[in-house]
Protein backbone atom coordinates (compact mmCIF):
# COMPACT_ATOMS: atom_id res chain seq x y z
CA MET A 1 0.13 0.17 0.12
CA SER A 2 0.82 3.48 -0.68
CA ASN A 3 2.20 5.51 2.42
CA HIS A 4 0.39 8.78 1.03
CA ILE A 5 -3.45 9.37 -0.49
CA ASP A 6 -4.69 12.08 -2.64
CA LEU A 7 -7.60 14.08 -1.10
CA PRO A 8 -9.69 16.34 -2.82
CA THR A 9 -9.73 20.38 -1.61
CA ALA A 10 -12.74 23.04 -2.66
CA GLY A 11 -9.00 24.35 -4.58
CA GLY A 12 -7.94 21.07 -5.99
CA TRP A 13 -6.28 18.02 -4.81
CA ARG A 14 -3.78 17.88 -1.81
CA ARG A 15 -1.04 14.41 -1.34
CA ILE A 16 -0.84 13.64 2.14
CA ALA A 17 1.61 11.13 3.90
CA LEU A 18 0.02 8.64 6.21
CA ARG A 19 0.96 9.29 9.72
CA GLU A 20 1.87 5.90 11.45
CA PRO A 21 -0.57 4.97 14.46
CA ARG A 22 -0.28 5.53 17.61
CA VAL A 23 -0.73 3.00 20.34
CA TRP A 24 -3.41 4.88 22.96
CA ALA A 25 -3.42 3.12 26.50
CA PRO A 26 -6.50 1.40 27.61
CA HIS A 27 -8.29 3.72 30.53
CA PRO A 28 -11.30 1.37 31.61
CA GLN A 29 -12.12 2.77 34.64
CA PRO A 30 -13.60 6.07 35.04
CA PHE A 31 -11.66 9.57 35.37
CA THR A 32 -10.97 10.83 39.00
CA SER A 33 -11.22 14.77 37.80
CA ARG A 34 -14.22 15.03 36.01
CA VAL A 35 -17.22 13.30 35.24
CA VAL A 36 -17.14 12.58 31.27
CA PHE A 37 -19.62 11.21 28.84
CA ALA A 38 -18.88 10.55 24.59
CA ALA A 39 -22.47 10.91 23.20
CA ALA A 40 -22.41 8.23 20.95
CA HIS A 41 -24.09 7.48 17.23
CA VAL A 42 -25.75 4.35 15.90
CA VAL A 43 -24.25 2.51 12.87
CA ALA A 44 -26.70 1.29 10.29
CA ASP A 45 -27.64 -2.02 8.94
CA PRO A 46 -26.21 -1.96 5.49
CA LEU A 47 -29.00 -3.93 3.79
CA GLY A 48 -31.76 -1.91 5.90
CA ASP A 49 -34.06 0.28 4.21
CA ASN A 50 -32.77 3.43 5.91
CA THR A 51 -34.30 5.94 3.78
CA PRO A 52 -35.80 9.18 5.11
CA GLY A 53 -39.36 8.13 6.98
CA ALA A 54 -38.25 4.32 6.94
CA PRO A 55 -38.26 2.98 10.90
CA ALA A 56 -34.84 2.32 11.87
CA ALA A 57 -32.76 -0.71 11.12
CA VAL A 58 -29.83 -0.93 13.31
CA ASP A 59 -26.10 -3.18 13.04
CA TRP A 60 -26.89 -3.90 16.84
CA ASP A 61 -23.67 -6.08 16.87
CA SER A 62 -21.35 -2.95 15.45
CA THR A 63 -22.93 -0.59 17.65
CA LEU A 64 -22.95 -1.99 20.69
CA ALA A 65 -18.96 -2.49 20.06
CA PHE A 66 -18.96 1.10 19.53
CA ARG A 67 -19.98 1.79 22.88
CA ARG A 68 -17.11 -0.94 24.77
CA HIS A 69 -14.40 1.18 22.50
CA LEU A 70 -15.86 3.84 24.78
CA PHE A 71 -15.91 2.04 27.98
CA ASP A 72 -12.35 1.15 27.17
CA HIS A 73 -10.98 4.49 26.97
CA GLY A 74 -13.02 5.78 30.09
CA MET A 75 -16.09 7.21 29.19
CA GLY A 76 -19.71 6.91 30.04
CA VAL A 77 -22.09 6.75 27.31
CA ALA A 78 -24.99 9.29 27.20
CA GLU A 79 -27.46 7.33 25.17
CA ALA A 80 -29.98 8.22 22.26
CA MET A 81 -29.16 11.42 22.19
CA ASP A 82 -29.33 13.90 19.49
CA THR A 83 -26.18 12.17 17.93
CA ALA A 84 -27.96 8.76 17.88
CA GLN A 85 -30.02 10.62 15.08
CA ARG A 86 -32.78 11.31 17.46
CA ASN A 87 -35.52 13.79 15.16
CA MET A 88 -33.03 12.43 12.76
CA GLY A 89 -33.99 8.37 11.78
CA LEU A 90 -34.04 7.01 15.27
CA ASP A 91 -37.94 6.25 15.62
CA TRP A 92 -38.86 5.30 19.24
CA ALA A 93 -38.95 1.74 18.90
CA ALA A 94 -35.14 1.65 17.92
CA VAL A 95 -34.51 4.30 20.92
CA GLN A 96 -36.28 1.28 23.45
CA GLN A 97 -33.99 -1.45 21.93
CA LEU A 98 -31.16 0.57 21.63
CA VAL A 99 -31.53 2.06 25.79
CA ARG A 100 -32.14 -1.42 26.90
CA ARG A 101 -28.89 -2.50 25.05
CA SER A 102 -26.81 -0.08 26.24
CA ALA A 103 -27.96 -0.29 29.85
CA GLU A 104 -27.32 -4.06 29.64
CA GLN A 105 -23.82 -4.04 28.38
CA ALA A 106 -22.74 -1.10 30.56
CA ARG A 107 -23.94 -2.88 33.82
CA ALA A 108 -21.92 -5.70 32.46
CA CYS A 109 -18.82 -3.15 31.92
CA GLY A 110 -18.93 -1.30 34.85
CA ALA A 111 -19.76 1.57 33.04
CA ARG A 112 -21.89 5.09 33.41
CA ILE A 113 -24.72 5.60 30.80
CA ALA A 114 -26.94 8.76 30.87
CA SER A 115 -30.14 8.31 28.34
CA GLY A 116 -32.23 10.64 26.59
CA ALA A 117 -35.72 11.24 27.58
CA GLY A 118 -38.00 13.26 25.46
CA THR A 119 -41.30 13.70 23.79
CA ASP A 120 -40.64 12.72 20.39
CA HIS A 121 -42.59 9.14 19.98
CA ARG A 122 -45.40 11.49 19.69
CA SER A 123 -45.79 13.55 17.05
CA GLN A 124 -49.01 15.23 17.42
CA LEU A 125 -48.55 16.56 20.55
CA HIS A 126 -51.79 19.99 21.36
CA SER A 127 -51.54 20.78 25.06
CA LEU A 128 -49.18 20.99 27.65
CA ALA A 129 -50.70 18.40 29.74
CA GLU A 130 -50.02 16.02 26.34
CA VAL A 131 -46.88 17.36 26.24
CA THR A 132 -45.89 16.30 30.14
CA ALA A 133 -47.06 12.65 29.28
CA ALA A 134 -44.94 12.21 26.80
CA TYR A 135 -41.82 13.17 29.02
CA GLU A 136 -43.56 10.72 31.79
CA GLU A 137 -43.70 8.22 29.13
CA GLN A 138 -40.09 8.17 28.42
CA VAL A 139 -38.76 8.96 32.34
CA ALA A 140 -40.11 5.72 33.19
CA PHE A 141 -38.81 3.90 30.18
CA VAL A 142 -35.17 4.83 30.49
CA GLU A 143 -35.59 4.37 34.66
CA SER A 144 -36.94 0.89 34.18
CA THR A 145 -33.50 -0.11 32.10
CA GLY A 146 -31.00 1.28 35.09
CA SER A 147 -29.87 4.11 33.37
CA GLN A 148 -30.10 7.90 34.28
CA VAL A 149 -32.06 10.22 32.46
CA VAL A 150 -31.40 12.89 30.55
CA VAL A 151 -34.05 15.29 29.83
CA MET A 152 -33.85 16.27 26.58
CA ALA A 153 -35.04 19.41 24.71
CA SER A 154 -38.73 18.73 23.08
CA ARG A 155 -39.51 19.94 19.44
CA GLN A 156 -43.37 19.66 20.41
CA LEU A 157 -43.19 21.70 23.48
CA ALA A 158 -40.64 24.40 21.40
CA ALA A 159 -43.45 24.54 19.12
CA ILE A 160 -46.80 24.69 21.70
CA ALA A 161 -45.55 27.09 25.04
CA ARG A 162 -46.18 30.26 24.78
CA GLY A 163 -43.53 31.20 27.02
CA ALA A 164 -41.29 30.97 30.18
CA GLU A 165 -44.12 29.48 32.37
CA ASP A 166 -45.37 26.95 30.00
CA TYR A 167 -42.19 25.24 30.23
CA ARG A 168 -41.52 25.40 33.76
CA GLN A 169 -45.49 24.10 34.01
CA VAL A 170 -44.02 20.89 32.08
CA TYR A 171 -40.47 20.99 33.71
CA ASP A 172 -41.85 21.29 37.08
CA ALA A 173 -44.48 18.22 36.73
CA VAL A 174 -41.63 16.17 35.02
CA LEU A 175 -38.88 16.94 37.84
CA ARG A 176 -41.57 16.26 40.85
CA GLN A 177 -41.96 12.45 39.23
CA VAL A 178 -38.24 11.79 38.70
CA ALA A 179 -36.85 8.90 40.93
CA GLU A 180 -33.00 9.56 40.46
CA PRO A 181 -31.29 13.04 39.43
CA VAL A 182 -31.57 13.63 35.85
CA VAL A 183 -29.41 15.94 33.68
CA LEU A 184 -31.37 18.63 31.64
CA HIS A 185 -30.28 19.24 28.35
CA TRP A 186 -30.33 22.55 26.59
CA LEU A 187 -29.43 21.83 23.13
CA GLY A 188 -29.03 25.35 21.08
CA GLU A 189 -30.96 26.28 18.04
CA VAL A 190 -27.59 26.17 15.98
CA PHE A 191 -28.10 22.22 16.48
CA ASP A 192 -31.81 22.09 15.65
CA PRO A 193 -33.59 25.39 14.71
CA HIS A 194 -36.80 23.72 16.14
CA LEU A 195 -35.44 24.68 19.66
CA THR A 196 -35.59 28.86 18.67
CA GLY A 197 -36.63 30.39 22.04
CA TYR A 198 -36.46 27.55 24.30
CA TRP A 199 -37.43 28.49 27.83
CA GLY A 200 -39.52 30.83 26.31
CA SER A 201 -37.36 33.45 24.93
CA THR A 202 -35.21 34.12 21.94
CA ASP A 203 -32.75 36.79 24.48
CA LEU A 204 -30.32 34.66 25.88
CA THR A 205 -30.04 36.41 29.23
CA THR A 206 -34.16 36.31 29.73
CA ALA A 207 -33.83 32.25 28.75
CA THR A 208 -30.61 31.62 30.88
CA ALA A 209 -32.70 33.08 33.91
CA ALA A 210 -35.50 31.32 33.40
CA PHE A 211 -33.60 27.83 33.43
CA LEU A 212 -31.62 28.78 36.31
CA ASP A 213 -34.97 29.42 37.98
CA LEU A 214 -36.11 26.15 37.30
CA VAL A 215 -32.43 24.38 38.62
CA ARG A 216 -32.69 26.02 41.59
CA GLU A 217 -35.82 24.94 42.60
CA HIS A 218 -35.49 21.39 41.70
CA ALA A 219 -31.62 21.09 42.78
CA GLU A 220 -31.80 17.84 44.32
CA VAL A 221 -33.06 16.06 41.57
CA VAL A 222 -30.75 17.70 39.04
CA ASP A 223 -27.42 16.10 38.92
CA GLY A 224 -26.19 18.47 36.40
CA VAL A 225 -27.18 20.37 33.37
CA LYS A 226 -25.78 19.57 29.77
CA VAL A 227 -25.70 23.07 27.82
CA SER A 228 -24.59 22.95 23.65
CA LEU A 229 -24.98 26.67 22.64
CA LEU A 230 -21.64 26.79 21.37
CA SER A 231 -20.50 29.89 23.31
CA ALA A 232 -17.25 29.25 26.16
CA GLU A 233 -18.46 32.61 27.69
CA HIS A 234 -22.26 31.59 28.41
CA GLU A 235 -21.17 28.51 30.13
CA ARG A 236 -18.30 30.27 32.13
CA GLN A 237 -21.28 32.95 33.33
CA LEU A 238 -24.03 29.84 33.70
CA ARG A 239 -21.55 27.38 35.67
CA ALA A 240 -21.04 30.35 38.48
CA ALA A 241 -24.67 30.63 38.95
CA LEU A 242 -25.44 26.98 39.30
CA PRO A 243 -26.05 25.60 43.01
CA THR A 244 -23.55 23.87 44.55
CA GLY A 245 -23.45 20.00 44.05
CA VAL A 246 -25.09 20.75 40.00
CA ARG A 247 -22.62 19.58 37.47
CA LEU A 248 -22.28 21.74 34.06
CA TYR A 249 -21.73 18.75 31.55
CA THR A 250 -19.91 20.73 28.55
CA GLY A 251 -21.90 20.17 25.28
CA ASP A 252 -19.31 22.79 23.75
CA ASP A 253 -17.57 21.36 20.38
CA PHE A 254 -15.90 23.93 19.48
CA HIS A 255 -14.09 24.84 23.39
CA TYR A 256 -14.37 22.04 24.94
CA PRO A 257 -10.48 21.84 26.32
CA GLU A 258 -10.30 24.93 28.13
CA LEU A 259 -13.87 24.72 29.38
CA ILE A 260 -13.04 21.21 31.20
CA ARG A 261 -9.69 22.36 32.35
CA GLY A 262 -11.64 25.35 34.25
CA ASP A 263 -10.62 28.49 35.10
CA GLY A 264 -9.25 27.42 39.18
CA THR A 265 -12.44 28.36 40.59
CA HIS A 266 -15.20 26.56 38.31
CA HIS A 267 -14.90 23.64 35.53
CA SER A 268 -17.17 21.49 33.29
CA ASP A 269 -17.48 18.10 33.19
CA ALA A 270 -18.63 16.40 29.91
CA LEU A 271 -21.16 15.24 27.67
CA LEU A 272 -19.71 15.45 24.10
CA GLY A 273 -20.16 14.06 20.45
CA ALA A 274 -17.19 15.15 20.19
CA PHE A 275 -15.93 12.81 22.43
CA ALA A 276 -17.44 9.56 20.05
CA ALA A 277 -14.76 10.98 17.19
CA ILE A 278 -11.54 11.52 19.56
CA ALA A 279 -12.09 9.06 22.73
CA PRO A 280 -8.49 7.88 22.65
CA ALA A 281 -7.02 11.33 22.47
CA ALA A 282 -9.63 12.78 25.33
CA SER A 283 -8.72 9.80 27.14
CA ALA A 284 -5.14 10.37 27.56
CA ALA A 285 -5.77 14.37 28.22
CA LEU A 286 -7.83 13.38 31.03
CA SER A 287 -5.35 10.66 32.50
CA ALA A 288 -3.01 13.89 32.58
CA LEU A 289 -5.44 15.70 34.09
CA ASP A 290 -5.96 13.27 36.25
CA ASP A 291 -2.53 13.48 37.12
CA GLY A 292 -2.26 17.11 37.49
CA ASP A 293 -0.36 17.33 34.32
CA LEU A 294 -1.92 20.19 32.62
CA ALA A 295 0.80 20.29 30.06
CA THR A 296 0.10 17.09 28.84
CA TYR A 297 -3.52 17.80 29.26
CA ASP A 298 -3.37 20.33 27.13
CA ALA A 299 -1.23 19.09 24.61
CA GLU A 300 -3.11 16.05 23.69
CA MET A 301 -6.42 18.08 23.29
CA ALA A 302 -5.37 20.60 21.59
CA ALA A 303 -4.61 17.66 19.16
CA THR A 304 -7.98 17.04 18.64
CA THR A 305 -9.83 20.72 18.45
CA GLU A 306 -9.27 21.22 14.84
CA LEU A 307 -11.05 17.87 13.78
CA SER A 308 -13.86 18.42 16.03
CA ARG A 309 -14.22 22.12 14.98
CA HIS A 310 -14.64 20.95 11.46
CA ILE A 311 -16.87 18.05 12.43
CA PHE A 312 -19.28 20.11 14.08
CA SER A 313 -18.74 23.07 11.52
CA ALA A 314 -22.17 24.84 9.60
CA PRO A 315 -24.74 23.63 9.38
CA THR A 316 -23.53 21.60 12.89
CA ALA A 317 -27.10 19.63 12.53
CA HIS A 318 -25.00 17.38 10.22
CA TYR A 319 -22.32 16.42 12.38
CA LYS A 320 -23.55 13.23 13.30
CA THR A 321 -22.51 12.26 9.42
CA GLY A 322 -19.17 13.14 10.42
CA ILE A 323 -18.58 11.20 13.57
CA ALA A 324 -20.24 7.89 11.89
CA PHE A 325 -17.24 8.35 8.61
CA THR A 326 -14.49 8.97 11.56
CA ALA A 327 -15.84 5.52 13.11
CA TRP A 328 -15.45 3.85 10.06
CA LEU A 329 -11.98 5.34 8.98
CA ALA A 330 -11.37 4.11 11.96
CA GLY A 331 -12.56 0.66 11.53
CA HIS A 332 -14.95 0.28 14.21
CA GLN A 333 -17.71 -0.54 12.15
CA PRO A 334 -18.16 -2.16 8.64
CA GLY A 335 -19.82 0.45 6.28
CA PHE A 336 -20.45 4.19 6.15
CA THR A 337 -24.39 4.30 6.01
CA MET A 338 -26.86 5.86 8.15
CA LEU A 339 -30.23 6.39 9.26
CA HIS A 340 -32.32 8.34 6.94
CA GLY A 341 -29.77 8.71 4.27
CA MET A 342 -27.52 11.03 5.97
CA GLN A 343 -24.09 9.90 4.66
CA SER A 344 -24.94 11.97 2.12
CA ALA A 345 -25.72 15.17 4.39
CA ARG A 346 -21.55 16.23 4.00
CA SER A 347 -19.59 16.97 0.89
CA LEU A 348 -16.81 15.09 -0.39
CA VAL A 349 -14.25 17.58 0.21
CA HIS A 350 -15.90 17.74 4.15
CA LEU A 351 -15.35 14.00 4.56
CA ALA A 352 -11.84 14.33 2.76
CA ARG A 353 -10.99 16.72 5.52
CA ILE A 354 -11.58 14.90 8.11
CA PHE A 355 -9.40 12.11 7.13
CA GLU A 356 -6.57 14.25 6.76
CA LEU A 357 -7.55 15.69 10.64
CA ALA A 358 -8.27 12.27 11.88
CA ASN A 359 -4.90 11.34 10.22
CA ARG A 360 -2.96 14.32 11.87
CA ALA A 361 -4.17 13.59 15.07
CA GLY A 362 -3.12 9.94 15.38
CA LEU A 363 -6.69 8.80 15.23
CA LEU A 364 -6.96 6.00 12.62
CA PRO A 365 -5.17 2.82 14.21
CA ASP A 366 -5.06 1.43 10.55
CA PRO A 367 -4.03 3.84 8.26
CA GLU A 368 -3.54 1.46 5.17
CA LEU A 369 -6.81 0.32 5.98
CA ALA A 370 -8.31 3.88 6.75
CA ALA A 371 -7.01 5.16 3.12
CA HIS A 372 -8.27 2.04 1.04
CA ARG A 373 -11.74 3.33 2.74
CA MET A 374 -11.41 6.78 1.52
CA ARG A 375 -10.13 5.57 -1.76
CA LEU A 376 -13.07 3.61 -2.36
CA TRP A 377 -15.91 6.17 -1.50
CA LEU A 378 -13.88 8.82 -4.03
CA GLN A 379 -14.11 6.18 -6.38
CA ALA A 380 -17.64 5.70 -5.85
CA ALA A 381 -18.22 9.45 -6.09
CA GLY A 382 -16.53 9.47 -9.60
CA ALA A 383 -13.90 11.39 -7.32
CA MET A 384 -10.21 10.13 -8.40
CA ARG A 385 -7.46 12.31 -9.29
């Protein structure tokens, strides 16, 4: 095999050398300095339909094997989140199978798992009471599997609510009934435009005040908040205002190194889709942080940021394509097909750049296999030099 590959760019073709694979140390135990979840994707069954609107056909063996890969690097798994294509191909029947299977595997591995509970199994909701009932149904299911609950943002609630009071009514009812502390998920409109104005206002300061009032009222059943707004400054202000004992799980796939590192007074824990793509490198960084080796932490994290920012570049909602493509290049799944046909959501040039950045970061365990797969994808697209 050649030790280089020619990749298409916006300005032509570029030849890059294949980097020697880096051997990453396993870290099957959780980290001591931070609580970390990787939001994991699902692997589509290549023989399934998986066209837009079709029921999800999942390759369960590959999907669960990928979660074992994350556990081996000290990650907890955030299951059935938007990374797993909630609202973009993963229907409720598949969500239930996914959470149940993944929770069983987490128990067997002694690993942590938190799973999304929302309202997406009900397409037609017309009242706050119906939204509340839909939330309660999914929360009860997730709790029944032994997984921690992540209370996800609801498209249906965003469509019905007329102000902060409506959000408060629904969340008050849900949080009064949870069995164990949950994670509240604030997903910004950059990830899902249907969630514009969540918490009752398009003004960030006003929305944050409403969110904080809710968290303070229910602090005893809120383990943490997961914020995905891609604003490091807002996250720093929010985490400083949280009640004692309530974590902030960063969902900022652009600024996670400095937010997790902290400012000496406060730090963020993590619940990140990016960590599904960079798990070995993130594990090395977090191991160093546990040891107090900030220089190594900074260096290991810095090597991942360009890849993460590229995967999550606009339109950010399509980042799932890059997560699945990276997993395919790294040999974690046999093919590159996705639920809802989402493998087509990114351009060939975008995917070629993912190859280049993953190669640079040492995240391709078998560079020759990765190059072979990249060439196959280029050839199938008619883009051979």
